[in-house]
Amino acid sequence: MIQLRVFAKSLRHALQGLSDIFWAEQSFRIQSFLGLCVIILSVLLPLLTWERILLFLLTAAVLILEILNTIIERVADAVQPRLSPMVREVKDMMAAAVFLTALVALLVGIFIFAPPLYEIVCAILQLCKP
């Protein structure tokens, strides 16, 4: 049986964690803004369901990896405050994981958004052939 108070407390902690990372990490704020733009565009443009799902998943993947990156950075700093070569490597590797995921998300977003945006621009400028 689900205990509502325990669930509500867990939910508050999760939302506090989101708030903490949002206000502490500029990159998370930027990625959140871009993710919101992707979601708004995916709702407004005539996309297939699988395209929307893929965009939502990639947006979530970038944000989740950024959260994990921040967690690992903070734990590494707490365990070994001075920047050792190993801590630097771990931080760089996590940053690379976020970067690669964001790059893939960007490329997929371009492939998915380009055709409908092209059609809209052509229609506005009357460049497309009827």
N, C-alpha and C. Protein backbone atom coordinates (compact mmCIF):
# COMPACT_ATOMS: atom_id res chain seq x y z
N MET A 1 0.84 -1.18 0.00
CA MET A 1 0.00 0.00 0.00
C MET A 1 0.88 1.25 0.00
N ILE A 2 0.54 2.20 -0.83
CA ILE A 2 1.33 3.42 -0.95
C ILE A 2 0.99 4.36 0.21
N GLN A 3 2.02 4.81 0.88
CA GLN A 3 1.82 5.79 1.95
C GLN A 3 1.96 7.17 1.34
N LEU A 4 0.88 7.91 1.33
CA LEU A 4 0.84 9.20 0.66
C LEU A 4 1.85 10.19 1.25
N ARG A 5 2.01 10.18 2.54
CA ARG A 5 2.95 11.13 3.17
C ARG A 5 4.39 10.84 2.76
N VAL A 6 4.74 9.56 2.72
CA VAL A 6 6.10 9.17 2.31
C VAL A 6 6.33 9.57 0.86
N PHE A 7 5.33 9.30 0.01
CA PHE A 7 5.45 9.68 -1.39
C PHE A 7 5.57 11.19 -1.55
N ALA A 8 4.76 11.95 -0.84
CA ALA A 8 4.80 13.42 -0.92
C ALA A 8 6.15 13.95 -0.46
N LYS A 9 6.71 13.34 0.58
CA LYS A 9 8.03 13.75 1.07
C LYS A 9 9.10 13.47 0.04
N SER A 10 9.04 12.30 -0.59
CA SER A 10 10.00 11.94 -1.64
C SER A 10 9.88 12.90 -2.82
N LEU A 11 8.66 13.24 -3.18
CA LEU A 11 8.43 14.17 -4.28
C LEU A 11 9.01 15.55 -3.96
N ARG A 12 8.81 16.01 -2.73
CA ARG A 12 9.38 17.31 -2.32
C ARG A 12 10.89 17.30 -2.42
N HIS A 13 11.52 16.20 -2.00
CA HIS A 13 12.98 16.10 -2.08
C HIS A 13 13.45 16.13 -3.54
N ALA A 14 12.73 15.43 -4.40
CA ALA A 14 13.11 15.41 -5.83
C ALA A 14 12.97 16.80 -6.43
N LEU A 15 11.88 17.49 -6.12
CA LEU A 15 11.70 18.84 -6.64
C LEU A 15 12.72 19.82 -6.06
N GLN A 16 13.11 19.62 -4.81
CA GLN A 16 14.16 20.45 -4.22
C GLN A 16 15.48 20.21 -4.93
N GLY A 17 15.76 18.95 -5.27
CA GLY A 17 16.98 18.63 -6.01
C GLY A 17 16.99 19.30 -7.38
N LEU A 18 15.86 19.28 -8.07
CA LEU A 18 15.76 19.97 -9.36
C LEU A 18 15.98 21.47 -9.20
N SER A 19 15.38 22.02 -8.17
CA SER A 19 15.55 23.46 -7.92
C SER A 19 17.01 23.78 -7.62
N ASP A 20 17.64 22.94 -6.79
CA ASP A 20 19.05 23.16 -6.43
C ASP A 20 19.94 23.17 -7.67
N ILE A 21 19.78 22.18 -8.53
CA ILE A 21 20.65 22.12 -9.71
C ILE A 21 20.31 23.23 -10.69
N PHE A 22 19.02 23.56 -10.80
CA PHE A 22 18.63 24.62 -11.73
C PHE A 22 19.29 25.94 -11.35
N TRP A 23 19.28 26.28 -10.08
CA TRP A 23 19.83 27.58 -9.66
C TRP A 23 21.34 27.55 -9.48
N ALA A 24 21.94 26.36 -9.31
CA ALA A 24 23.38 26.28 -9.09
C ALA A 24 24.18 26.12 -10.38
N GLU A 25 23.55 25.56 -11.40
CA GLU A 25 24.30 25.21 -12.62
C GLU A 25 23.76 25.96 -13.84
N GLN A 26 24.57 26.87 -14.37
CA GLN A 26 24.18 27.64 -15.55
C GLN A 26 23.92 26.73 -16.74
N SER A 27 24.74 25.71 -16.92
CA SER A 27 24.57 24.82 -18.06
C SER A 27 23.22 24.10 -17.99
N PHE A 28 22.78 23.74 -16.79
CA PHE A 28 21.48 23.09 -16.65
C PHE A 28 20.35 24.05 -17.00
N ARG A 29 20.49 25.31 -16.62
CA ARG A 29 19.47 26.30 -16.98
C ARG A 29 19.40 26.47 -18.50
N ILE A 30 20.55 26.56 -19.15
CA ILE A 30 20.59 26.71 -20.61
C ILE A 30 19.97 25.48 -21.27
N GLN A 31 20.37 24.29 -20.83
CA GLN A 31 19.84 23.05 -21.40
C GLN A 31 18.34 22.92 -21.14
N SER A 32 17.89 23.36 -19.98
CA SER A 32 16.45 23.32 -19.68
C SER A 32 15.68 24.25 -20.61
N PHE A 33 16.22 25.44 -20.83
CA PHE A 33 15.57 26.39 -21.75
C PHE A 33 15.50 25.81 -23.16
N LEU A 34 16.61 25.26 -23.64
CA LEU A 34 16.62 24.66 -24.98
C LEU A 34 15.69 23.45 -25.05
N GLY A 35 15.65 22.67 -24.00
CA GLY A 35 14.74 21.53 -23.95
C GLY A 35 13.29 21.97 -24.00
N LEU A 36 12.97 23.05 -23.30
CA LEU A 36 11.61 23.59 -23.35
C LEU A 36 11.27 24.06 -24.76
N CYS A 37 12.22 24.69 -25.43
CA CYS A 37 12.01 25.12 -26.82
C CYS A 37 11.75 23.91 -27.72
N VAL A 38 12.52 22.84 -27.53
CA VAL A 38 12.34 21.62 -28.32
C VAL A 38 10.94 21.05 -28.09
N ILE A 39 10.53 21.00 -26.85
CA ILE A 39 9.21 20.43 -26.55
C ILE A 39 8.10 21.29 -27.13
N ILE A 40 8.22 22.61 -27.02
CA ILE A 40 7.21 23.50 -27.60
C ILE A 40 7.16 23.32 -29.11
N LEU A 41 8.32 23.32 -29.76
CA LEU A 41 8.35 23.12 -31.21
C LEU A 41 7.77 21.77 -31.61
N SER A 42 8.07 20.74 -30.84
CA SER A 42 7.58 19.41 -31.20
C SER A 42 6.07 19.31 -31.06
N VAL A 43 5.49 20.12 -30.20
CA VAL A 43 4.03 20.13 -30.07
C VAL A 43 3.40 20.97 -31.18
N LEU A 44 4.06 22.06 -31.55
CA LEU A 44 3.48 22.97 -32.54
C LEU A 44 3.65 22.49 -33.98
N LEU A 45 4.74 21.81 -34.26
CA LEU A 45 5.00 21.38 -35.64
C LEU A 45 4.32 20.03 -35.93
N PRO A 46 3.99 19.82 -37.20
CA PRO A 46 3.36 18.55 -37.57
C PRO A 46 4.39 17.43 -37.65
N LEU A 47 4.64 16.81 -36.53
CA LEU A 47 5.62 15.72 -36.46
C LEU A 47 4.90 14.40 -36.22
N LEU A 48 5.58 13.33 -36.55
CA LEU A 48 5.07 12.00 -36.26
C LEU A 48 5.25 11.70 -34.78
N THR A 49 4.45 10.80 -34.26
CA THR A 49 4.52 10.46 -32.83
C THR A 49 5.91 9.98 -32.44
N TRP A 50 6.52 9.12 -33.25
CA TRP A 50 7.85 8.61 -32.91
C TRP A 50 8.89 9.72 -32.88
N GLU A 51 8.71 10.75 -33.72
CA GLU A 51 9.65 11.87 -33.72
C GLU A 51 9.53 12.65 -32.41
N ARG A 52 8.30 12.87 -31.98
CA ARG A 52 8.09 13.57 -30.70
C ARG A 52 8.68 12.78 -29.54
N ILE A 53 8.43 11.48 -29.54
CA ILE A 53 8.95 10.63 -28.46
C ILE A 53 10.48 10.67 -28.44
N LEU A 54 11.10 10.58 -29.61
CA LEU A 54 12.56 10.63 -29.69
C LEU A 54 13.10 11.96 -29.16
N LEU A 55 12.45 13.06 -29.54
CA LEU A 55 12.88 14.38 -29.06
C LEU A 55 12.72 14.50 -27.55
N PHE A 56 11.63 13.99 -26.99
CA PHE A 56 11.42 14.03 -25.53
C PHE A 56 12.50 13.20 -24.83
N LEU A 57 12.77 12.00 -25.37
CA LEU A 57 13.78 11.14 -24.74
C LEU A 57 15.18 11.75 -24.79
N LEU A 58 15.53 12.34 -25.92
CA LEU A 58 16.86 12.96 -26.03
C LEU A 58 16.98 14.18 -25.13
N THR A 59 15.90 14.95 -25.03
CA THR A 59 15.91 16.11 -24.12
C THR A 59 16.11 15.64 -22.68
N ALA A 60 15.37 14.61 -22.30
CA ALA A 60 15.50 14.06 -20.95
C ALA A 60 16.90 13.50 -20.72
N ALA A 61 17.46 12.83 -21.72
CA ALA A 61 18.80 12.24 -21.58
C ALA A 61 19.85 13.31 -21.32
N VAL A 62 19.77 14.42 -22.04
CA VAL A 62 20.74 15.50 -21.83
C VAL A 62 20.61 16.06 -20.41
N LEU A 63 19.39 16.31 -19.97
CA LEU A 63 19.19 16.89 -18.63
C LEU A 63 19.60 15.90 -17.53
N ILE A 64 19.26 14.64 -17.71
CA ILE A 64 19.64 13.64 -16.71
C ILE A 64 21.15 13.48 -16.64
N LEU A 65 21.81 13.46 -17.78
CA LEU A 65 23.28 13.36 -17.76
C LEU A 65 23.92 14.59 -17.13
N GLU A 66 23.33 15.75 -17.34
CA GLU A 66 23.87 16.97 -16.70
C GLU A 66 23.71 16.88 -15.18
N ILE A 67 22.61 16.32 -14.72
CA ILE A 67 22.42 16.12 -13.28
C ILE A 67 23.47 15.14 -12.75
N LEU A 68 23.66 14.02 -13.45
CA LEU A 68 24.68 13.05 -13.03
C LEU A 68 26.08 13.66 -13.05
N ASN A 69 26.36 14.47 -14.05
CA ASN A 69 27.65 15.16 -14.14
C ASN A 69 27.87 16.04 -12.91
N THR A 70 26.85 16.78 -12.54
CA THR A 70 26.96 17.66 -11.36
C THR A 70 27.16 16.85 -10.09
N ILE A 71 26.43 15.75 -9.96
CA ILE A 71 26.58 14.89 -8.78
C ILE A 71 28.00 14.36 -8.68
N ILE A 72 28.51 13.83 -9.78
CA ILE A 72 29.86 13.26 -9.76
C ILE A 72 30.90 14.34 -9.46
N GLU A 73 30.74 15.52 -10.03
CA GLU A 73 31.67 16.61 -9.75
C GLU A 73 31.66 16.96 -8.27
N ARG A 74 30.49 17.06 -7.68
CA ARG A 74 30.40 17.42 -6.25
C ARG A 74 30.97 16.34 -5.35
N VAL A 75 30.68 15.08 -5.66
CA VAL A 75 31.23 13.98 -4.86
C VAL A 75 32.75 13.95 -4.99
N ALA A 76 33.26 14.12 -6.20
CA ALA A 76 34.71 14.12 -6.41
C ALA A 76 35.37 15.26 -5.65
N ASP A 77 34.74 16.43 -5.67
CA ASP A 77 35.29 17.57 -4.94
C ASP A 77 35.24 17.34 -3.43
N ALA A 78 34.20 16.66 -2.96
CA ALA A 78 34.08 16.40 -1.52
C ALA A 78 35.11 15.37 -1.06
N VAL A 79 35.35 14.36 -1.88
CA VAL A 79 36.30 13.30 -1.52
C VAL A 79 37.73 13.79 -1.65
N GLN A 80 38.01 14.49 -2.71
CA GLN A 80 39.36 14.98 -2.96
C GLN A 80 39.27 16.42 -3.46
N PRO A 81 39.24 17.38 -2.51
CA PRO A 81 39.03 18.77 -2.90
C PRO A 81 40.09 19.32 -3.85
N ARG A 82 41.32 18.93 -3.69
CA ARG A 82 42.34 19.41 -4.61
C ARG A 82 42.18 18.65 -5.92
N LEU A 83 42.33 19.36 -6.99
CA LEU A 83 42.10 18.76 -8.31
C LEU A 83 43.25 17.81 -8.66
N SER A 84 43.03 16.53 -8.40
CA SER A 84 44.03 15.53 -8.77
C SER A 84 43.83 15.16 -10.23
N PRO A 85 44.83 14.57 -10.85
CA PRO A 85 44.67 14.16 -12.25
C PRO A 85 43.49 13.21 -12.46
N MET A 86 43.25 12.30 -11.53
CA MET A 86 42.16 11.36 -11.69
C MET A 86 40.80 12.08 -11.57
N VAL A 87 40.68 12.99 -10.63
CA VAL A 87 39.43 13.74 -10.48
C VAL A 87 39.18 14.57 -11.73
N ARG A 88 40.22 15.19 -12.25
CA ARG A 88 40.09 15.98 -13.47
C ARG A 88 39.63 15.09 -14.63
N GLU A 89 40.22 13.90 -14.74
CA GLU A 89 39.83 12.98 -15.82
C GLU A 89 38.37 12.55 -15.70
N VAL A 90 37.94 12.24 -14.49
CA VAL A 90 36.55 11.83 -14.27
C VAL A 90 35.60 12.97 -14.65
N LYS A 91 35.94 14.17 -14.22
CA LYS A 91 35.10 15.32 -14.56
C LYS A 91 35.07 15.56 -16.07
N ASP A 92 36.22 15.44 -16.71
CA ASP A 92 36.27 15.62 -18.16
C ASP A 92 35.47 14.55 -18.89
N MET A 93 35.54 13.32 -18.41
CA MET A 93 34.79 12.24 -19.04
C MET A 93 33.29 12.45 -18.91
N MET A 94 32.85 12.90 -17.75
CA MET A 94 31.42 13.17 -17.58
C MET A 94 30.99 14.33 -18.47
N ALA A 95 31.82 15.36 -18.55
CA ALA A 95 31.51 16.48 -19.44
C ALA A 95 31.43 16.00 -20.88
N ALA A 96 32.30 15.07 -21.26
CA ALA A 96 32.28 14.52 -22.62
C ALA A 96 30.99 13.74 -22.87
N ALA A 97 30.53 13.01 -21.86
CA ALA A 97 29.27 12.26 -22.01
C ALA A 97 28.10 13.21 -22.24
N VAL A 98 28.06 14.29 -21.48
CA VAL A 98 26.99 15.28 -21.66
C VAL A 98 27.11 15.91 -23.04
N PHE A 99 28.33 16.27 -23.42
CA PHE A 99 28.55 16.91 -24.72
C PHE A 99 28.10 16.02 -25.88
N LEU A 100 28.51 14.74 -25.85
CA LEU A 100 28.15 13.83 -26.94
C LEU A 100 26.63 13.62 -27.02
N THR A 101 26.01 13.50 -25.87
CA THR A 101 24.55 13.33 -25.85
C THR A 101 23.87 14.58 -26.40
N ALA A 102 24.34 15.75 -26.00
CA ALA A 102 23.77 17.00 -26.49
C ALA A 102 24.00 17.15 -27.99
N LEU A 103 25.17 16.73 -28.46
CA LEU A 103 25.47 16.81 -29.89
C LEU A 103 24.55 15.90 -30.69
N VAL A 104 24.36 14.68 -30.23
CA VAL A 104 23.45 13.76 -30.91
C VAL A 104 22.02 14.32 -30.89
N ALA A 105 21.61 14.87 -29.74
CA ALA A 105 20.27 15.47 -29.64
C ALA A 105 20.12 16.62 -30.63
N LEU A 106 21.16 17.43 -30.76
CA LEU A 106 21.12 18.55 -31.71
C LEU A 106 20.98 18.05 -33.14
N LEU A 107 21.79 17.05 -33.52
CA LEU A 107 21.73 16.52 -34.88
C LEU A 107 20.38 15.89 -35.19
N VAL A 108 19.86 15.12 -34.25
CA VAL A 108 18.54 14.52 -34.45
C VAL A 108 17.48 15.61 -34.55
N GLY A 109 17.60 16.62 -33.70
CA GLY A 109 16.65 17.74 -33.75
C GLY A 109 16.68 18.45 -35.09
N ILE A 110 17.87 18.63 -35.64
CA ILE A 110 17.99 19.27 -36.96
C ILE A 110 17.30 18.42 -38.02
N PHE A 111 17.56 17.11 -38.00
CA PHE A 111 16.95 16.22 -38.99
C PHE A 111 15.42 16.20 -38.88
N ILE A 112 14.92 16.24 -37.65
CA ILE A 112 13.47 16.17 -37.46
C ILE A 112 12.80 17.50 -37.73
N PHE A 113 13.40 18.60 -37.27
CA PHE A 113 12.76 19.91 -37.39
C PHE A 113 12.96 20.56 -38.77
N ALA A 114 14.02 20.22 -39.48
CA ALA A 114 14.32 20.91 -40.74
C ALA A 114 13.20 20.82 -41.77
N PRO A 115 12.66 19.65 -42.08
CA PRO A 115 11.62 19.60 -43.12
C PRO A 115 10.37 20.44 -42.81
N PRO A 116 9.76 20.32 -41.62
CA PRO A 116 8.57 21.15 -41.39
C PRO A 116 8.90 22.65 -41.30
N LEU A 117 10.06 22.99 -40.75
CA LEU A 117 10.42 24.41 -40.69
C LEU A 117 10.68 24.96 -42.09
N TYR A 118 11.30 24.14 -42.94
CA TYR A 118 11.53 24.54 -44.32
C TYR A 118 10.20 24.81 -45.03
N GLU A 119 9.25 23.93 -44.83
CA GLU A 119 7.93 24.10 -45.45
C GLU A 119 7.25 25.38 -44.97
N ILE A 120 7.38 25.68 -43.69
CA ILE A 120 6.76 26.90 -43.14
C ILE A 120 7.42 28.14 -43.73
N VAL A 121 8.75 28.14 -43.78
CA VAL A 121 9.47 29.30 -44.35
C VAL A 121 9.13 29.46 -45.82
N CYS A 122 9.08 28.36 -46.55
CA CYS A 122 8.72 28.44 -47.98
C CYS A 122 7.31 28.98 -48.15
N ALA A 123 6.40 28.53 -47.32
CA ALA A 123 5.02 29.01 -47.44
C ALA A 123 4.92 30.48 -47.12
N ILE A 124 5.65 30.94 -46.11
CA ILE A 124 5.62 32.36 -45.75
C ILE A 124 6.23 33.21 -46.86
N LEU A 125 7.35 32.77 -47.38
CA LEU A 125 8.04 33.54 -48.42
C LEU A 125 7.56 33.18 -49.83
N GLN A 126 6.66 32.25 -49.92
CA GLN A 126 6.10 31.77 -51.18
C GLN A 126 7.19 31.34 -52.17
N LEU A 127 8.13 30.57 -51.63
CA LEU A 127 9.24 30.06 -52.44
C LEU A 127 8.99 28.66 -52.95
N CYS A 128 8.17 27.91 -52.24
CA CYS A 128 7.93 26.53 -52.64
C CYS A 128 6.98 26.47 -53.82
N LYS A 129 7.20 25.47 -54.64
CA LYS A 129 6.30 25.28 -55.78
C LYS A 129 5.03 24.59 -55.31
N PRO A 130 3.86 25.05 -55.76
CA PRO A 130 2.61 24.43 -55.32
C PRO A 130 2.42 23.03 -55.83
